[in-house]
Full PDB file with SEQRES, HELIX, SHEET, SSBOND, CRYST1, ORIGX, SCALE, CONECT and MASTER records, all heavy atoms in Angstrom:
SEQRES   1 A   32  THR ARG GLY ALA LEU THR THR PHE SER ILE ALA ASN ASP          
SEQRES   2 A   32  ILE ALA LYS TYR PHE ALA ILE ILE PRO ALA ILE PHE ALA          
SEQRES   3 A   32  VAL VAL TYR PRO GLY LEU                                      
HELIX    1 AA1 ARG A    2  PHE A   25  1                                  24    
CRYST1    1.000    1.000    1.000  90.00  90.00  90.00 P 1           1          
ORIGX1      1.000000  0.000000  0.000000        0.00000                         
ORIGX2      0.000000  1.000000  0.000000        0.00000                         
ORIGX3      0.000000  0.000000  1.000000        0.00000                         
SCALE1      1.000000  0.000000  0.000000        0.00000                         
SCALE2      0.000000  1.000000  0.000000        0.00000                         
SCALE3      0.000000  0.000000  1.000000        0.00000                         
ATOM      1  N   THR A   1      72.295   3.206  26.389  1.00  0.00           N  
ATOM      2  CA  THR A   1      70.897   2.718  26.380  1.00  0.00           C  
ATOM      3  C   THR A   1      70.779   1.406  27.165  1.00  0.00           C  
ATOM      4  O   THR A   1      69.858   1.232  27.980  1.00  0.00           O  
ATOM      5  CB  THR A   1      70.451   2.513  24.915  1.00  0.00           C  
ATOM      6  OG1 THR A   1      70.548   3.730  24.214  1.00  0.00           O  
ATOM      7  CG2 THR A   1      69.027   1.992  24.874  1.00  0.00           C  
ATOM      8  N   ARG A   2      71.721   0.522  26.925  1.00  0.00           N  
ATOM      9  CA  ARG A   2      71.685  -0.766  27.647  1.00  0.00           C  
ATOM     10  C   ARG A   2      71.853  -0.539  29.149  1.00  0.00           C  
ATOM     11  O   ARG A   2      71.148  -1.138  29.959  1.00  0.00           O  
ATOM     12  CB  ARG A   2      72.800  -1.690  27.116  1.00  0.00           C  
ATOM     13  CG  ARG A   2      72.773  -3.091  27.749  1.00  0.00           C  
ATOM     14  CD  ARG A   2      73.966  -3.881  27.303  1.00  0.00           C  
ATOM     15  NE  ARG A   2      73.932  -4.102  25.862  1.00  0.00           N  
ATOM     16  CZ  ARG A   2      75.023  -4.316  25.137  1.00  0.00           C  
ATOM     17  NH1 ARG A   2      76.219  -4.305  25.676  1.00  0.00           N  
ATOM     18  NH2 ARG A   2      74.916  -4.545  23.821  1.00  0.00           N  
ATOM     19  N   GLY A   3      72.780   0.345  29.521  1.00  0.00           N  
ATOM     20  CA  GLY A   3      72.969   0.642  30.941  1.00  0.00           C  
ATOM     21  C   GLY A   3      71.782   1.290  31.573  1.00  0.00           C  
ATOM     22  O   GLY A   3      71.388   0.954  32.719  1.00  0.00           O  
ATOM     23  N   ALA A   4      71.159   2.236  30.834  1.00  0.00           N  
ATOM     24  CA  ALA A   4      69.998   2.960  31.388  1.00  0.00           C  
ATOM     25  C   ALA A   4      68.839   2.010  31.615  1.00  0.00           C  
ATOM     26  O   ALA A   4      68.188   2.042  32.664  1.00  0.00           O  
ATOM     27  CB  ALA A   4      69.608   4.087  30.458  1.00  0.00           C  
ATOM     28  N   LEU A   5      68.552   1.161  30.603  1.00  0.00           N  
ATOM     29  CA  LEU A   5      67.406   0.259  30.749  1.00  0.00           C  
ATOM     30  C   LEU A   5      67.701  -0.875  31.756  1.00  0.00           C  
ATOM     31  O   LEU A   5      66.782  -1.355  32.411  1.00  0.00           O  
ATOM     32  CB  LEU A   5      67.054  -0.336  29.377  1.00  0.00           C  
ATOM     33  CG  LEU A   5      66.456   0.664  28.391  1.00  0.00           C  
ATOM     34  CD1 LEU A   5      66.071  -0.003  27.095  1.00  0.00           C  
ATOM     35  CD2 LEU A   5      65.249   1.385  28.996  1.00  0.00           C  
ATOM     36  N   THR A   6      68.956  -1.245  31.896  1.00  0.00           N  
ATOM     37  CA  THR A   6      69.307  -2.213  32.945  1.00  0.00           C  
ATOM     38  C   THR A   6      69.077  -1.593  34.324  1.00  0.00           C  
ATOM     39  O   THR A   6      68.540  -2.246  35.213  1.00  0.00           O  
ATOM     40  CB  THR A   6      70.759  -2.664  32.781  1.00  0.00           C  
ATOM     41  OG1 THR A   6      70.951  -3.277  31.493  1.00  0.00           O  
ATOM     42  CG2 THR A   6      71.125  -3.678  33.876  1.00  0.00           C  
ATOM     43  N   THR A   7      69.485  -0.341  34.475  1.00  0.00           N  
ATOM     44  CA  THR A   7      69.265   0.368  35.743  1.00  0.00           C  
ATOM     45  C   THR A   7      67.759   0.457  36.038  1.00  0.00           C  
ATOM     46  O   THR A   7      67.301   0.211  37.164  1.00  0.00           O  
ATOM     47  CB  THR A   7      69.861   1.786  35.680  1.00  0.00           C  
ATOM     48  OG1 THR A   7      71.250   1.693  35.402  1.00  0.00           O  
ATOM     49  CG2 THR A   7      69.653   2.536  36.958  1.00  0.00           C  
ATOM     50  N   PHE A   8      66.977   0.818  35.017  1.00  0.00           N  
ATOM     51  CA  PHE A   8      65.536   0.920  35.194  1.00  0.00           C  
ATOM     52  C   PHE A   8      64.953  -0.427  35.557  1.00  0.00           C  
ATOM     53  O   PHE A   8      64.098  -0.541  36.463  1.00  0.00           O  
ATOM     54  CB  PHE A   8      64.898   1.425  33.902  1.00  0.00           C  
ATOM     55  CG  PHE A   8      63.409   1.594  33.986  1.00  0.00           C  
ATOM     56  CD1 PHE A   8      62.845   2.817  34.363  1.00  0.00           C  
ATOM     57  CD2 PHE A   8      62.545   0.536  33.709  1.00  0.00           C  
ATOM     58  CE1 PHE A   8      61.451   2.966  34.457  1.00  0.00           C  
ATOM     59  CE2 PHE A   8      61.169   0.677  33.787  1.00  0.00           C  
ATOM     60  CZ  PHE A   8      60.635   1.893  34.161  1.00  0.00           C  
ATOM     61  N   SER A   9      65.400  -1.496  34.901  1.00  0.00           N  
ATOM     62  CA  SER A   9      64.856  -2.833  35.126  1.00  0.00           C  
ATOM     63  C   SER A   9      65.130  -3.303  36.554  1.00  0.00           C  
ATOM     64  O   SER A   9      64.254  -3.826  37.244  1.00  0.00           O  
ATOM     65  CB  SER A   9      65.455  -3.831  34.120  1.00  0.00           C  
ATOM     66  OG  SER A   9      64.978  -5.130  34.381  1.00  0.00           O  
ATOM     67  N   ILE A  10      66.380  -3.098  37.016  1.00  0.00           N  
ATOM     68  CA  ILE A  10      66.727  -3.531  38.378  1.00  0.00           C  
ATOM     69  C   ILE A  10      65.914  -2.751  39.414  1.00  0.00           C  
ATOM     70  O   ILE A  10      65.359  -3.316  40.364  1.00  0.00           O  
ATOM     71  CB  ILE A  10      68.228  -3.350  38.614  1.00  0.00           C  
ATOM     72  CG1 ILE A  10      69.016  -4.344  37.702  1.00  0.00           C  
ATOM     73  CG2 ILE A  10      68.568  -3.575  40.085  1.00  0.00           C  
ATOM     74  CD1 ILE A  10      70.515  -4.146  37.769  1.00  0.00           C  
ATOM     75  N   ALA A  11      65.849  -1.404  39.227  1.00  0.00           N  
ATOM     76  CA  ALA A  11      65.063  -0.595  40.148  1.00  0.00           C  
ATOM     77  C   ALA A  11      63.594  -0.976  40.078  1.00  0.00           C  
ATOM     78  O   ALA A  11      62.898  -1.018  41.119  1.00  0.00           O  
ATOM     79  CB  ALA A  11      65.235   0.880  39.799  1.00  0.00           C  
ATOM     80  N   ASN A  12      63.122  -1.257  38.877  1.00  0.00           N  
ATOM     81  CA  ASN A  12      61.733  -1.672  38.665  1.00  0.00           C  
ATOM     82  C   ASN A  12      61.420  -2.971  39.418  1.00  0.00           C  
ATOM     83  O   ASN A  12      60.376  -3.102  40.093  1.00  0.00           O  
ATOM     84  CB  ASN A  12      61.512  -1.828  37.172  1.00  0.00           C  
ATOM     85  CG  ASN A  12      60.119  -2.325  36.816  1.00  0.00           C  
ATOM     86  OD1 ASN A  12      59.162  -1.601  36.965  1.00  0.00           O  
ATOM     87  ND2 ASN A  12      60.031  -3.549  36.332  1.00  0.00           N  
ATOM     88  N   ASP A  13      62.350  -3.939  39.352  1.00  0.00           N  
ATOM     89  CA  ASP A  13      62.149  -5.205  40.014  1.00  0.00           C  
ATOM     90  C   ASP A  13      62.135  -5.040  41.532  1.00  0.00           C  
ATOM     91  O   ASP A  13      61.315  -5.629  42.244  1.00  0.00           O  
ATOM     92  CB  ASP A  13      63.237  -6.207  39.617  1.00  0.00           C  
ATOM     93  CG  ASP A  13      63.087  -6.634  38.150  1.00  0.00           C  
ATOM     94  OD1 ASP A  13      61.978  -6.562  37.632  1.00  0.00           O  
ATOM     95  OD2 ASP A  13      64.106  -7.032  37.536  1.00  0.00           O  
ATOM     96  N   ILE A  14      63.079  -4.266  42.055  1.00  0.00           N  
ATOM     97  CA  ILE A  14      63.144  -4.027  43.501  1.00  0.00           C  
ATOM     98  C   ILE A  14      61.850  -3.386  44.012  1.00  0.00           C  
ATOM     99  O   ILE A  14      61.297  -3.775  45.054  1.00  0.00           O  
ATOM    100  CB  ILE A  14      64.360  -3.160  43.862  1.00  0.00           C  
ATOM    101  CG1 ILE A  14      65.661  -3.938  43.551  1.00  0.00           C  
ATOM    102  CG2 ILE A  14      64.329  -2.754  45.314  1.00  0.00           C  
ATOM    103  CD1 ILE A  14      66.923  -3.144  43.731  1.00  0.00           C  
ATOM    104  N   ALA A  15      61.367  -2.406  43.235  1.00  0.00           N  
ATOM    105  CA  ALA A  15      60.126  -1.741  43.639  1.00  0.00           C  
ATOM    106  C   ALA A  15      58.965  -2.717  43.628  1.00  0.00           C  
ATOM    107  O   ALA A  15      58.086  -2.645  44.503  1.00  0.00           O  
ATOM    108  CB  ALA A  15      59.857  -0.562  42.683  1.00  0.00           C  
ATOM    109  N   LYS A  16      58.922  -3.622  42.656  1.00  0.00           N  
ATOM    110  CA  LYS A  16      57.844  -4.596  42.609  1.00  0.00           C  
ATOM    111  C   LYS A  16      57.855  -5.518  43.822  1.00  0.00           C  
ATOM    112  O   LYS A  16      56.789  -5.905  44.326  1.00  0.00           O  
ATOM    113  CB  LYS A  16      57.940  -5.427  41.327  1.00  0.00           C  
ATOM    114  CG  LYS A  16      57.421  -4.703  40.082  1.00  0.00           C  
ATOM    115  CD  LYS A  16      57.355  -5.647  38.882  1.00  0.00           C  
ATOM    116  CE  LYS A  16      58.739  -6.106  38.449  1.00  0.00           C  
ATOM    117  NZ  LYS A  16      58.722  -6.910  37.216  1.00  0.00           N  
ATOM    118  N   TYR A  17      59.060  -5.850  44.297  1.00  0.00           N  
ATOM    119  CA  TYR A  17      59.131  -6.704  45.489  1.00  0.00           C  
ATOM    120  C   TYR A  17      58.399  -6.058  46.642  1.00  0.00           C  
ATOM    121  O   TYR A  17      57.594  -6.674  47.337  1.00  0.00           O  
ATOM    122  CB  TYR A  17      60.580  -6.978  45.885  1.00  0.00           C  
ATOM    123  CG  TYR A  17      61.464  -7.541  44.778  1.00  0.00           C  
ATOM    124  CD1 TYR A  17      62.847  -7.395  44.851  1.00  0.00           C  
ATOM    125  CD2 TYR A  17      60.935  -8.193  43.686  1.00  0.00           C  
ATOM    126  CE1 TYR A  17      63.672  -7.906  43.860  1.00  0.00           C  
ATOM    127  CE2 TYR A  17      61.733  -8.700  42.677  1.00  0.00           C  
ATOM    128  CZ  TYR A  17      63.124  -8.539  42.768  1.00  0.00           C  
ATOM    129  OH  TYR A  17      63.920  -9.020  41.790  1.00  0.00           O  
ATOM    130  N   PHE A  18      58.719  -4.789  46.891  1.00  0.00           N  
ATOM    131  CA  PHE A  18      58.146  -4.079  48.041  1.00  0.00           C  
ATOM    132  C   PHE A  18      56.666  -3.739  47.805  1.00  0.00           C  
ATOM    133  O   PHE A  18      55.921  -3.517  48.758  1.00  0.00           O  
ATOM    134  CB  PHE A  18      58.917  -2.782  48.325  1.00  0.00           C  
ATOM    135  CG  PHE A  18      60.263  -3.020  48.957  1.00  0.00           C  
ATOM    136  CD1 PHE A  18      61.394  -3.056  48.202  1.00  0.00           C  
ATOM    137  CD2 PHE A  18      60.366  -3.229  50.312  1.00  0.00           C  
ATOM    138  CE1 PHE A  18      62.642  -3.295  48.790  1.00  0.00           C  
ATOM    139  CE2 PHE A  18      61.588  -3.469  50.925  1.00  0.00           C  
ATOM    140  CZ  PHE A  18      62.753  -3.507  50.147  1.00  0.00           C  
ATOM    141  N   ALA A  19      56.267  -3.696  46.515  1.00  0.00           N  
ATOM    142  CA  ALA A  19      54.884  -3.311  46.229  1.00  0.00           C  
ATOM    143  C   ALA A  19      53.915  -4.483  46.401  1.00  0.00           C  
ATOM    144  O   ALA A  19      52.797  -4.299  46.874  1.00  0.00           O  
ATOM    145  CB  ALA A  19      54.788  -2.752  44.823  1.00  0.00           C  
ATOM    146  N   ILE A  20      54.313  -5.687  46.004  1.00  0.00           N  
ATOM    147  CA  ILE A  20      53.328  -6.783  45.940  1.00  0.00           C  
ATOM    148  C   ILE A  20      53.555  -7.869  46.952  1.00  0.00           C  
ATOM    149  O   ILE A  20      52.594  -8.507  47.394  1.00  0.00           O  
ATOM    150  CB  ILE A  20      53.325  -7.402  44.509  1.00  0.00           C  
ATOM    151  CG1 ILE A  20      54.668  -8.091  44.190  1.00  0.00           C  
ATOM    152  CG2 ILE A  20      52.958  -6.366  43.470  1.00  0.00           C  
ATOM    153  CD1 ILE A  20      54.631  -8.871  42.916  1.00  0.00           C  
ATOM    154  N   ILE A  21      54.825  -8.136  47.345  1.00  0.00           N  
ATOM    155  CA  ILE A  21      55.059  -9.268  48.271  1.00  0.00           C  
ATOM    156  C   ILE A  21      54.311  -9.081  49.591  1.00  0.00           C  
ATOM    157  O   ILE A  21      53.640 -10.026  50.059  1.00  0.00           O  
ATOM    158  CB  ILE A  21      56.577  -9.498  48.487  1.00  0.00           C  
ATOM    159  CG1 ILE A  21      57.187 -10.023  47.188  1.00  0.00           C  
ATOM    160  CG2 ILE A  21      56.835 -10.471  49.641  1.00  0.00           C  
ATOM    161  CD1 ILE A  21      58.684 -10.277  47.280  1.00  0.00           C  
ATOM    162  N   PRO A  22      54.369  -7.908  50.217  1.00  0.00           N  
ATOM    163  CA  PRO A  22      53.569  -7.763  51.474  1.00  0.00           C  
ATOM    164  C   PRO A  22      52.087  -7.970  51.244  1.00  0.00           C  
ATOM    165  O   PRO A  22      51.398  -8.575  52.110  1.00  0.00           O  
ATOM    166  CB  PRO A  22      53.880  -6.326  51.889  1.00  0.00           C  
ATOM    167  CG  PRO A  22      55.213  -6.022  51.279  1.00  0.00           C  
ATOM    168  CD  PRO A  22      55.180  -6.704  49.960  1.00  0.00           C  
ATOM    169  N   ALA A  23      51.574  -7.480  50.087  1.00  0.00           N  
ATOM    170  CA  ALA A  23      50.143  -7.617  49.863  1.00  0.00           C  
ATOM    171  C   ALA A  23      49.753  -9.072  49.642  1.00  0.00           C  
ATOM    172  O   ALA A  23      48.656  -9.513  50.053  1.00  0.00           O  
ATOM    173  CB  ALA A  23      49.747  -6.776  48.618  1.00  0.00           C  
ATOM    174  N   ILE A  24      50.641  -9.839  48.998  1.00  0.00           N  
ATOM    175  CA  ILE A  24      50.304 -11.223  48.692  1.00  0.00           C  
ATOM    176  C   ILE A  24      50.373 -12.120  49.936  1.00  0.00           C  
ATOM    177  O   ILE A  24      49.505 -12.972  50.172  1.00  0.00           O  
ATOM    178  CB  ILE A  24      51.264 -11.770  47.597  1.00  0.00           C  
ATOM    179  CG1 ILE A  24      51.049 -11.006  46.297  1.00  0.00           C  
ATOM    180  CG2 ILE A  24      51.068 -13.259  47.392  1.00  0.00           C  
ATOM    181  CD1 ILE A  24      52.041 -11.383  45.214  1.00  0.00           C  
ATOM    182  N   PHE A  25      51.390 -11.894  50.757  1.00  0.00           N  
ATOM    183  CA  PHE A  25      51.622 -12.792  51.880  1.00  0.00           C  
ATOM    184  C   PHE A  25      51.157 -12.263  53.236  1.00  0.00           C  
ATOM    185  O   PHE A  25      51.359 -12.928  54.246  1.00  0.00           O  
ATOM    186  CB  PHE A  25      53.121 -13.131  51.971  1.00  0.00           C  
ATOM    187  CG  PHE A  25      53.618 -13.942  50.817  1.00  0.00           C  
ATOM    188  CD1 PHE A  25      54.287 -13.336  49.746  1.00  0.00           C  
ATOM    189  CD2 PHE A  25      53.386 -15.304  50.768  1.00  0.00           C  
ATOM    190  CE1 PHE A  25      54.735 -14.063  48.681  1.00  0.00           C  
ATOM    191  CE2 PHE A  25      53.842 -16.052  49.714  1.00  0.00           C  
ATOM    192  CZ  PHE A  25      54.504 -15.439  48.638  1.00  0.00           C  
ATOM    193  N   ALA A  26      50.549 -11.068  53.256  1.00  0.00           N  
ATOM    194  CA  ALA A  26      50.112 -10.515  54.549  1.00  0.00           C  
ATOM    195  C   ALA A  26      49.049 -11.386  55.188  1.00  0.00           C  
ATOM    196  O   ALA A  26      48.970 -11.473  56.442  1.00  0.00           O  
ATOM    197  CB  ALA A  26      49.578  -9.082  54.344  1.00  0.00           C  
ATOM    198  N   VAL A  27      48.215 -12.042  54.398  1.00  0.00           N  
ATOM    199  CA  VAL A  27      47.186 -12.922  54.959  1.00  0.00           C  
ATOM    200  C   VAL A  27      47.807 -14.133  55.621  1.00  0.00           C  
ATOM    201  O   VAL A  27      47.377 -14.577  56.701  1.00  0.00           O  
ATOM    202  CB  VAL A  27      46.172 -13.320  53.864  1.00  0.00           C  
ATOM    203  CG1 VAL A  27      45.153 -14.320  54.431  1.00  0.00           C  
ATOM    204  CG2 VAL A  27      45.489 -12.117  53.296  1.00  0.00           C  
ATOM    205  N   VAL A  28      48.845 -14.683  54.971  1.00  0.00           N  
ATOM    206  CA  VAL A  28      49.507 -15.866  55.499  1.00  0.00           C  
ATOM    207  C   VAL A  28      50.415 -15.500  56.666  1.00  0.00           C  
ATOM    208  O   VAL A  28      50.470 -16.181  57.672  1.00  0.00           O  
ATOM    209  CB  VAL A  28      50.328 -16.556  54.360  1.00  0.00           C  
ATOM    210  CG1 VAL A  28      51.025 -17.824  54.922  1.00  0.00           C  
ATOM    211  CG2 VAL A  28      49.411 -16.926  53.223  1.00  0.00           C  
ATOM    212  N   TYR A  29      51.159 -14.371  56.472  1.00  0.00           N  
ATOM    213  CA  TYR A  29      52.068 -13.888  57.518  1.00  0.00           C  
ATOM    214  C   TYR A  29      51.663 -12.482  57.893  1.00  0.00           C  
ATOM    215  O   TYR A  29      52.128 -11.511  57.295  1.00  0.00           O  
ATOM    216  CB  TYR A  29      53.521 -13.933  57.016  1.00  0.00           C  
ATOM    217  CG  TYR A  29      53.974 -15.298  56.575  1.00  0.00           C  
ATOM    218  CD1 TYR A  29      54.087 -15.582  55.217  1.00  0.00           C  
ATOM    219  CD2 TYR A  29      54.281 -16.275  57.510  1.00  0.00           C  
ATOM    220  CE1 TYR A  29      54.489 -16.839  54.796  1.00  0.00           C  
ATOM    221  CE2 TYR A  29      54.689 -17.535  57.100  1.00  0.00           C  
ATOM    222  CZ  TYR A  29      54.799 -17.809  55.738  1.00  0.00           C  
ATOM    223  OH  TYR A  29      55.185 -19.071  55.333  1.00  0.00           O  
ATOM    224  N   PRO A  30      50.775 -12.308  58.866  1.00  0.00           N  
ATOM    225  CA  PRO A  30      50.199 -10.994  59.209  1.00  0.00           C  
ATOM    226  C   PRO A  30      51.263  -9.946  59.544  1.00  0.00           C  
ATOM    227  O   PRO A  30      51.029  -8.730  59.368  1.00  0.00           O  
ATOM    228  CB  PRO A  30      49.330 -11.302  60.433  1.00  0.00           C  
ATOM    229  CG  PRO A  30      48.961 -12.717  60.301  1.00  0.00           C  
ATOM    230  CD  PRO A  30      50.166 -13.394  59.689  1.00  0.00           C  
ATOM    231  N   GLY A  31      52.433 -10.352  59.987  1.00  0.00           N  
ATOM    232  CA  GLY A  31      53.475  -9.388  60.318  1.00  0.00           C  
ATOM    233  C   GLY A  31      53.942  -8.578  59.097  1.00  0.00           C  
ATOM    234  O   GLY A  31      54.486  -7.475  59.265  1.00  0.00           O  
ATOM    235  N   LEU A  32      53.711  -9.101  57.894  1.00  0.00           N  
ATOM    236  CA  LEU A  32      54.116  -8.389  56.682  1.00  0.00           C  
ATOM    237  C   LEU A  32      53.187  -7.214  56.351  1.00  0.00           C  
ATOM    238  O   LEU A  32      53.479  -6.410  55.506  1.00  0.00           O  
ATOM    239  CB  LEU A  32      54.142  -9.331  55.459  1.00  0.00           C  
ATOM    240  CG  LEU A  32      55.258 -10.393  55.451  1.00  0.00           C  
ATOM    241  CD1 LEU A  32      55.103 -11.332  54.260  1.00  0.00           C  
ATOM    242  CD2 LEU A  32      56.641  -9.707  55.401  1.00  0.00           C  
TER     243      LEU A  32                                                      
MASTER        0    0    0    1    0    0    0    6  242    1    0    3          
END                                                                             
């Protein structure tokens, strides 16, 4: 259970990076 939720959490965090960082900083850095 600990391993499964840790795997989910890490994958979840990585997905959030690609989901929101370009949207947040695209105005400041149009290349994103």
